[in-house]
Protein backbone atom coordinates (compact mmCIF):
# COMPACT_ATOMS: atom_id res chain seq x y z
CA MET A 1 -114.97 -34.74 266.36
CA GLU A 2 -117.75 -32.22 266.93
CA ASN A 3 -115.22 -29.68 268.19
CA THR A 4 -112.98 -29.67 265.12
CA ILE A 5 -112.49 -26.82 262.68
CA ASN A 6 -110.70 -26.21 259.43
CA PRO A 7 -107.84 -23.87 260.43
CA ASP A 8 -107.83 -22.23 256.98
CA THR A 9 -111.51 -21.25 256.97
CA LYS A 10 -112.16 -21.33 260.76
CA ARG A 11 -115.39 -23.21 260.03
CA PRO A 12 -116.44 -26.37 261.90
CA TYR A 13 -116.47 -29.77 260.27
CA SER A 14 -119.87 -31.45 260.24
CA ILE A 15 -120.36 -35.09 261.18
CA THR A 16 -121.01 -36.03 257.54
CA MET A 17 -117.79 -34.30 256.47
CA ILE A 18 -115.84 -36.25 259.11
CA GLU A 19 -117.47 -39.49 257.93
CA ARG A 20 -116.51 -38.67 254.35
CA LEU A 21 -112.92 -37.95 255.41
CA MET A 22 -112.81 -41.24 257.33
CA HIS A 23 -114.01 -43.01 254.18
CA ASP A 24 -111.28 -41.25 252.15
CA ILE A 25 -108.53 -42.57 254.43
CA HIS A 26 -110.13 -46.05 254.35
CA PHE A 27 -110.83 -46.21 258.06
CA ALA A 28 -113.21 -48.96 259.19
CA VAL A 29 -114.68 -49.23 262.67
CA ASP A 30 -113.62 -52.39 264.50
CA PRO A 31 -116.25 -53.59 267.00
CA TYR A 32 -113.61 -55.53 268.95
CA ASN A 33 -111.33 -52.57 269.74
CA SER A 34 -112.19 -49.86 272.24
CA SER A 35 -113.81 -46.73 270.86
CA LYS A 36 -111.25 -44.50 272.58
CA LYS A 37 -108.35 -46.28 270.92
CA GLN A 38 -110.04 -46.10 267.53
CA ALA A 39 -110.91 -42.43 267.98
CA LEU A 40 -107.29 -41.55 268.78
CA ASP A 41 -106.14 -43.58 265.78
CA VAL A 42 -108.54 -41.91 263.37
CA ILE A 43 -107.69 -38.45 264.68
CA HIS A 44 -103.96 -39.02 264.10
CA ARG A 45 -104.63 -40.36 260.61
CA LEU A 46 -106.96 -37.49 259.71
CA VAL A 47 -104.54 -34.83 260.94
CA LYS A 48 -101.82 -36.21 258.66
CA LYS A 49 -103.97 -35.88 255.52
CA PHE A 50 -106.41 -33.01 256.14
CA PRO A 51 -106.29 -29.57 257.82
CA ILE A 52 -108.04 -30.33 261.11
CA LYS A 53 -107.63 -28.40 264.32
CA ARG A 54 -109.43 -28.41 267.64
CA SER A 55 -111.76 -25.44 268.00
CA PRO A 56 -110.58 -22.94 270.63
CA MET A 57 -112.52 -22.67 273.85
CA ARG A 58 -114.18 -19.39 274.68
CA LEU A 59 -114.28 -18.45 278.33
CA ARG A 60 -116.39 -15.59 279.69
CA LEU A 61 -115.37 -14.21 283.06
CA THR A 62 -116.96 -11.75 285.45
CA VAL A 63 -114.59 -10.63 288.19
CA GLY A 64 -114.39 -7.74 290.60
CA GLU A 65 -112.25 -4.72 289.79
CA LYS A 66 -109.84 -5.54 292.64
CA ASN A 67 -108.97 -8.90 291.05
CA PHE A 68 -109.10 -7.76 287.43
CA SER A 69 -105.39 -6.99 287.09
CA THR A 70 -104.35 -10.37 288.53
CA ILE A 71 -106.51 -12.30 286.08
CA LEU A 72 -105.39 -10.07 283.20
CA GLU A 73 -101.72 -10.78 284.01
CA LYS A 74 -102.37 -14.53 284.02
CA LEU A 75 -104.15 -14.32 280.67
CA GLY A 76 -101.13 -12.51 279.26
CA THR A 77 -98.72 -15.21 280.43
CA TRP A 78 -100.93 -17.94 278.91
CA ASN A 79 -101.27 -16.11 275.57
CA GLY A 80 -105.04 -15.83 275.94
CA GLU A 81 -106.70 -13.50 273.47
CA ILE A 82 -109.21 -11.00 274.89
CA VAL A 83 -112.15 -10.83 272.51
CA THR A 84 -114.48 -8.34 274.21
CA MET A 85 -114.57 -6.27 277.38
CA ASP A 86 -117.54 -4.37 278.85
CA GLU A 87 -117.52 -0.69 279.89
CA SER A 88 -116.69 -1.39 283.50
CA GLY A 89 -113.70 -3.47 282.45
CA THR A 90 -114.68 -6.49 284.53
CA GLN A 91 -116.22 -8.84 281.97
CA PHE A 92 -114.25 -10.19 279.05
CA SER A 93 -114.08 -13.21 276.74
CA VAL A 94 -110.94 -15.10 275.86
CA ASP A 95 -110.11 -17.86 273.37
CA ASP A 96 -107.87 -20.66 274.60
CA GLN A 97 -108.61 -24.35 274.89
CA LYS A 98 -105.96 -25.37 277.42
CA MET A 99 -106.50 -22.50 279.78
CA ALA A 100 -109.78 -23.37 281.54
CA ALA A 101 -108.35 -25.60 284.29
CA ARG A 102 -105.39 -23.31 284.93
CA LEU A 103 -107.68 -20.31 285.08
CA ALA A 104 -110.02 -22.04 287.53
CA ASN A 105 -107.10 -22.82 289.85
CA THR A 106 -105.71 -19.31 289.55
CA MET A 107 -109.09 -17.76 290.26
CA CYS A 108 -109.57 -19.94 293.33
CA ASN A 109 -106.13 -19.09 294.65
CA SER A 110 -106.12 -15.38 293.84
CA LEU A 111 -109.70 -14.69 294.93
CA LYS A 112 -109.15 -16.63 298.18
CA GLY A 113 -112.47 -18.44 297.94
CA ARG A 114 -114.64 -15.43 297.12
CA PRO A 115 -117.19 -16.40 294.46
CA ALA A 116 -116.77 -15.47 290.81
CA LEU A 117 -118.72 -16.67 287.79
CA GLY A 118 -117.16 -18.31 284.74
CA ARG A 119 -118.75 -19.80 281.62
CA ILE A 120 -117.03 -21.87 278.96
CA PHE A 121 -118.38 -21.66 275.41
CA GLN A 122 -117.53 -23.77 272.38
CA GLY A 123 -117.79 -21.56 269.32
CA LYS A 124 -121.19 -19.89 269.09
CA GLU A 125 -123.06 -22.62 270.96
CA PRO A 126 -124.82 -22.00 274.27
CA PRO A 127 -122.74 -22.44 277.44
CA GLN A 128 -121.41 -25.96 277.79
CA PHE A 129 -120.19 -25.50 281.32
CA VAL A 130 -120.99 -23.06 284.08
CA ALA A 131 -118.86 -23.01 287.18
CA ILE A 132 -119.01 -20.90 290.28
CA PHE A 133 -115.50 -20.72 291.60
CA SER A 134 -115.84 -20.67 295.34
CA LEU A 135 -114.15 -22.16 298.37
CA TRP A 136 -115.44 -25.69 297.82
CA LEU A 137 -113.79 -25.88 294.39
CA CYS A 138 -110.37 -24.74 295.61
């Protein structure tokens, strides 16, 4: 629930706001059911009544100029949005939450095991995940 936003305002929901929304839909925690099952249930019930969306993932990539066009083509096919690009044209940020695993596989395959650096950000928080895509990840 920490990674949810209001799609109208693009602002994140706080924990207290989520608790208030859970109270509004009369959801009570059951200690005898698994937390995963209850979380999925409350998410489905909240989505029906309130505008809740998962926040998009921000991915920052640094790749060599030789491989830049390959990665840019893949981002285009996955409908990734390029947010910023530096002067050399090799570092850019994209917003897409389902793209991280596909991009990691594509980078491993297209770079043929040569190292590249990727960071995944959630909103404006510090990096949540740093991966060096190299031969041992492919």
